Amino acid sequence: MSGAVVSLKNRTPGMRREIDLADLDFSNCPVRDMMQQIGGKWSTLLLEVLAAEPHRFGELRRLLPDISQRMLTQTLRDLQRDGYIAREVFPTKPPSVEYSMTDLGRSLYQPLSQLLNWAEANHEAVRAARSRFDSVDS
């Protein structure tokens, strides 16, 4: 792989993907590998915040008050490691750090934002389905 950002613009929206499960290497599944990171509790929120504009560490901490400093640091490092965000250190005293979305992160955010919109629109329906299921299961 070249590491270049791949565009999916030529794929028809709503088309079901054809997958031959017999040829799939489940121990090295690219979907599982990528979803493991972006499906984390804080990753999606951080990507949402950074999609709008770059932020410094302290700003991110204030925007997501429920996240611990340790978890924020780890999640940012994971997102940076995967190439979704960039970290820039400014030579100030004390040094300040700014995080921003990369081209790869922006390419991820486009379909991710559709999922976020779907989740917001269907959250109540999912909660109602869970409630119905749980009441029958009891």
C-alpha atoms as a PDB file:
ATOM      1  CA  MET A   1       0.000   0.000   0.000  1.00  0.00           C
ATOM      2  CA  SER A   2       1.219   3.472  -0.828  1.00  0.00           C
ATOM      3  CA  GLY A   3      -0.388   5.205   2.144  1.00  0.00           C
ATOM      4  CA  ALA A   4      -2.327   7.522  -0.167  1.00  0.00           C
ATOM      5  CA  VAL A   5      -5.875   8.576   0.722  1.00  0.00           C
ATOM      6  CA  VAL A   6      -8.347   6.555  -1.333  1.00  0.00           C
ATOM      7  CA  SER A   7     -11.552   8.215  -2.517  1.00  0.00           C
ATOM      8  CA  LEU A   8     -14.780   6.245  -2.586  1.00  0.00           C
ATOM      9  CA  LYS A   9     -16.667   8.833  -4.642  1.00  0.00           C
ATOM     10  CA  ASN A  10     -17.118   6.431  -7.580  1.00  0.00           C
ATOM     11  CA  ARG A  11     -18.979   3.866  -5.474  1.00  0.00           C
ATOM     12  CA  THR A  12     -22.733   3.952  -5.731  1.00  0.00           C
ATOM     13  CA  PRO A  13     -24.317   5.041  -2.424  1.00  0.00           C
ATOM     14  CA  GLY A  14     -26.558   2.426  -0.868  1.00  0.00           C
ATOM     15  CA  MET A  15     -25.094  -0.403  -2.931  1.00  0.00           C
ATOM     16  CA  ARG A  16     -24.486  -3.554  -0.956  1.00  0.00           C
ATOM     17  CA  ARG A  17     -20.860  -4.602  -0.881  1.00  0.00           C
ATOM     18  CA  GLU A  18     -20.122  -8.023  -2.345  1.00  0.00           C
ATOM     19  CA  ILE A  19     -17.794  -9.943  -0.045  1.00  0.00           C
ATOM     20  CA  ASP A  20     -16.575 -13.491  -0.496  1.00  0.00           C
ATOM     21  CA  LEU A  21     -16.283 -14.666   3.109  1.00  0.00           C
ATOM     22  CA  ALA A  22     -14.356 -17.761   2.010  1.00  0.00           C
ATOM     23  CA  ASP A  23     -11.425 -15.562   0.950  1.00  0.00           C
ATOM     24  CA  LEU A  24     -11.552 -13.219   3.937  1.00  0.00           C
ATOM     25  CA  ASP A  25      -8.662 -13.337   6.421  1.00  0.00           C
ATOM     26  CA  PHE A  26     -10.471 -12.728   9.709  1.00  0.00           C
ATOM     27  CA  SER A  27      -7.189 -12.499  11.623  1.00  0.00           C
ATOM     28  CA  ASN A  28      -6.170  -9.523   9.460  1.00  0.00           C
ATOM     29  CA  CYS A  29      -9.518  -7.873   8.713  1.00  0.00           C
ATOM     30  CA  PRO A  30      -9.115  -4.233   7.626  1.00  0.00           C
ATOM     31  CA  VAL A  31     -12.627  -3.311   8.733  1.00  0.00           C
ATOM     32  CA  ARG A  32     -12.168  -4.714  12.238  1.00  0.00           C
ATOM     33  CA  ASP A  33      -8.751  -3.107  12.485  1.00  0.00           C
ATOM     34  CA  MET A  34     -10.018   0.367  11.620  1.00  0.00           C
ATOM     35  CA  MET A  35     -13.375   0.166  13.411  1.00  0.00           C
ATOM     36  CA  GLN A  36     -11.659  -0.848  16.634  1.00  0.00           C
ATOM     37  CA  GLN A  37     -10.055   2.596  16.850  1.00  0.00           C
ATOM     38  CA  ILE A  38     -12.760   4.880  15.525  1.00  0.00           C
ATOM     39  CA  GLY A  39     -15.443   2.988  17.425  1.00  0.00           C
ATOM     40  CA  GLY A  40     -13.884   3.932  20.759  1.00  0.00           C
ATOM     41  CA  LYS A  41     -15.870   5.966  23.244  1.00  0.00           C
ATOM     42  CA  TRP A  42     -13.898   9.195  22.684  1.00  0.00           C
ATOM     43  CA  SER A  43     -12.478   8.859  19.166  1.00  0.00           C
ATOM     44  CA  THR A  44     -15.670   9.789  17.345  1.00  0.00           C
ATOM     45  CA  LEU A  45     -16.244  12.820  19.562  1.00  0.00           C
ATOM     46  CA  LEU A  46     -12.669  14.034  19.052  1.00  0.00           C
ATOM     47  CA  LEU A  47     -12.941  13.589  15.289  1.00  0.00           C
ATOM     48  CA  GLU A  48     -16.227  15.517  15.358  1.00  0.00           C
ATOM     49  CA  VAL A  49     -14.634  18.406  17.264  1.00  0.00           C
ATOM     50  CA  LEU A  50     -11.473  18.492  15.129  1.00  0.00           C
ATOM     51  CA  ALA A  51     -13.456  18.352  11.885  1.00  0.00           C
ATOM     52  CA  ALA A  52     -14.656  21.888  12.568  1.00  0.00           C
ATOM     53  CA  GLU A  53     -11.249  23.405  13.351  1.00  0.00           C
ATOM     54  CA  PRO A  54      -7.888  22.687  14.994  1.00  0.00           C
ATOM     55  CA  HIS A  55      -7.779  22.803  18.785  1.00  0.00           C
ATOM     56  CA  ARG A  56      -5.175  22.932  21.501  1.00  0.00           C
ATOM     57  CA  PHE A  57      -5.068  20.244  24.147  1.00  0.00           C
ATOM     58  CA  GLY A  58      -6.631  22.444  26.833  1.00  0.00           C
ATOM     59  CA  GLU A  59      -9.477  23.427  24.518  1.00  0.00           C
ATOM     60  CA  LEU A  60     -10.227  19.781  23.823  1.00  0.00           C
ATOM     61  CA  ARG A  61     -10.202  19.096  27.547  1.00  0.00           C
ATOM     62  CA  ARG A  62     -12.775  21.867  28.107  1.00  0.00           C
ATOM     63  CA  LEU A  63     -14.942  20.752  25.170  1.00  0.00           C
ATOM     64  CA  LEU A  64     -15.055  17.170  26.485  1.00  0.00           C
ATOM     65  CA  PRO A  65     -15.163  17.653  30.274  1.00  0.00           C
ATOM     66  CA  ASP A  66     -15.991  13.989  31.008  1.00  0.00           C
ATOM     67  CA  ILE A  67     -12.726  12.682  29.545  1.00  0.00           C
ATOM     68  CA  SER A  68      -9.725  12.250  31.812  1.00  0.00           C
ATOM     69  CA  GLN A  69      -6.431  13.837  30.841  1.00  0.00           C
ATOM     70  CA  ARG A  70      -4.862  10.386  30.501  1.00  0.00           C
ATOM     71  CA  MET A  71      -7.651   9.115  28.208  1.00  0.00           C
ATOM     72  CA  LEU A  72      -7.584  12.293  26.107  1.00  0.00           C
ATOM     73  CA  THR A  73      -3.822  11.954  25.657  1.00  0.00           C
ATOM     74  CA  GLN A  74      -4.091   8.260  24.737  1.00  0.00           C
ATOM     75  CA  THR A  75      -6.970   8.745  22.305  1.00  0.00           C
ATOM     76  CA  LEU A  76      -5.200  11.637  20.581  1.00  0.00           C
ATOM     77  CA  ARG A  77      -2.047   9.514  20.295  1.00  0.00           C
ATOM     78  CA  ASP A  78      -4.053   6.637  18.792  1.00  0.00           C
ATOM     79  CA  LEU A  79      -5.766   8.920  16.270  1.00  0.00           C
ATOM     80  CA  GLN A  80      -2.411  10.461  15.388  1.00  0.00           C
ATOM     81  CA  ARG A  81      -0.816   7.017  15.018  1.00  0.00           C
ATOM     82  CA  ASP A  82      -3.536   5.996  12.547  1.00  0.00           C
ATOM     83  CA  GLY A  83      -3.001   9.213  10.570  1.00  0.00           C
ATOM     84  CA  TYR A  84      -6.407  10.797  11.225  1.00  0.00           C
ATOM     85  CA  ILE A  85      -5.055  13.802  13.096  1.00  0.00           C
ATOM     86  CA  ALA A  86      -1.820  15.784  13.176  1.00  0.00           C
ATOM     87  CA  ARG A  87      -0.067  17.184  16.233  1.00  0.00           C
ATOM     88  CA  GLU A  88       1.873  20.437  15.964  1.00  0.00           C
ATOM     89  CA  VAL A  89       4.075  21.743  18.774  1.00  0.00           C
ATOM     90  CA  PHE A  90       4.596  25.504  18.962  1.00  0.00           C
ATOM     91  CA  PRO A  91       7.858  26.847  20.455  1.00  0.00           C
ATOM     92  CA  THR A  92       6.301  28.842  23.276  1.00  0.00           C
ATOM     93  CA  LYS A  93       7.014  28.776  27.001  1.00  0.00           C
ATOM     94  CA  PRO A  94       5.484  26.443  28.018  1.00  0.00           C
ATOM     95  CA  PRO A  95       5.180  24.652  24.647  1.00  0.00           C
ATOM     96  CA  SER A  96       1.658  24.576  23.250  1.00  0.00           C
ATOM     97  CA  VAL A  97       0.296  21.761  21.133  1.00  0.00           C
ATOM     98  CA  GLU A  98      -2.427  21.961  18.504  1.00  0.00           C
ATOM     99  CA  TYR A  99      -4.299  19.048  16.968  1.00  0.00           C
ATOM    100  CA  SER A 100      -5.881  19.166  13.518  1.00  0.00           C
ATOM    101  CA  MET A 101      -7.544  16.831  11.048  1.00  0.00           C
ATOM    102  CA  THR A 102      -5.375  15.344   8.283  1.00  0.00           C
ATOM    103  CA  ASP A 103      -6.513  14.577   4.735  1.00  0.00           C
ATOM    104  CA  LEU A 104      -7.003  10.958   5.796  1.00  0.00           C
ATOM    105  CA  GLY A 105      -9.047  12.117   8.792  1.00  0.00           C
ATOM    106  CA  ARG A 106     -11.216  14.333   6.592  1.00  0.00           C
ATOM    107  CA  SER A 107     -11.789  11.419   4.202  1.00  0.00           C
ATOM    108  CA  LEU A 108     -12.915   9.326   7.187  1.00  0.00           C
ATOM    109  CA  TYR A 109     -15.091  12.087   8.608  1.00  0.00           C
ATOM    110  CA  GLN A 110     -17.275  12.361   5.504  1.00  0.00           C
ATOM    111  CA  PRO A 111     -18.863   8.888   5.876  1.00  0.00           C
ATOM    112  CA  LEU A 112     -18.547   9.038   9.669  1.00  0.00           C
ATOM    113  CA  SER A 113     -20.655  12.199   9.764  1.00  0.00           C
ATOM    114  CA  GLN A 114     -23.408  10.341   7.884  1.00  0.00           C
ATOM    115  CA  LEU A 115     -23.350   7.651  10.582  1.00  0.00           C
ATOM    116  CA  LEU A 116     -23.462  10.326  13.306  1.00  0.00           C
ATOM    117  CA  ASN A 117     -26.457  11.972  11.635  1.00  0.00           C
ATOM    118  CA  TRP A 118     -28.170   8.587  11.353  1.00  0.00           C
ATOM    119  CA  ALA A 119     -27.480   7.869  15.027  1.00  0.00           C
ATOM    120  CA  GLU A 120     -28.987  11.177  16.117  1.00  0.00           C
ATOM    121  CA  ALA A 121     -32.048  10.687  13.909  1.00  0.00           C
ATOM    122  CA  ASN A 122     -32.643   7.094  15.039  1.00  0.00           C
ATOM    123  CA  HIS A 123     -31.512   7.114  18.664  1.00  0.00           C
ATOM    124  CA  GLU A 124     -35.028   7.092  20.094  1.00  0.00           C
ATOM    125  CA  ALA A 125     -36.104   4.243  17.790  1.00  0.00           C
ATOM    126  CA  VAL A 126     -33.121   2.151  18.891  1.00  0.00           C
ATOM    127  CA  ARG A 127     -33.798   2.879  22.561  1.00  0.00           C
ATOM    128  CA  ALA A 128     -37.459   1.903  22.078  1.00  0.00           C
ATOM    129  CA  ALA A 129     -36.421  -1.359  20.373  1.00  0.00           C
ATOM    130  CA  ARG A 130     -34.062  -2.139  23.270  1.00  0.00           C
ATOM    131  CA  SER A 131     -36.815  -1.447  25.764  1.00  0.00           C
ATOM    132  CA  ARG A 132     -39.251  -3.742  23.924  1.00  0.00           C
ATOM    133  CA  PHE A 133     -36.619  -6.481  23.743  1.00  0.00           C
ATOM    134  CA  ASP A 134     -35.682  -6.154  27.400  1.00  0.00           C
ATOM    135  CA  SER A 135     -39.316  -6.249  28.542  1.00  0.00           C
ATOM    136  CA  VAL A 136     -39.928  -9.522  26.681  1.00  0.00           C
ATOM    137  CA  ASP A 137     -36.646 -11.034  27.889  1.00  0.00           C
ATOM    138  CA  SER A 138     -37.433 -10.381  31.572  1.00  0.00           C
END
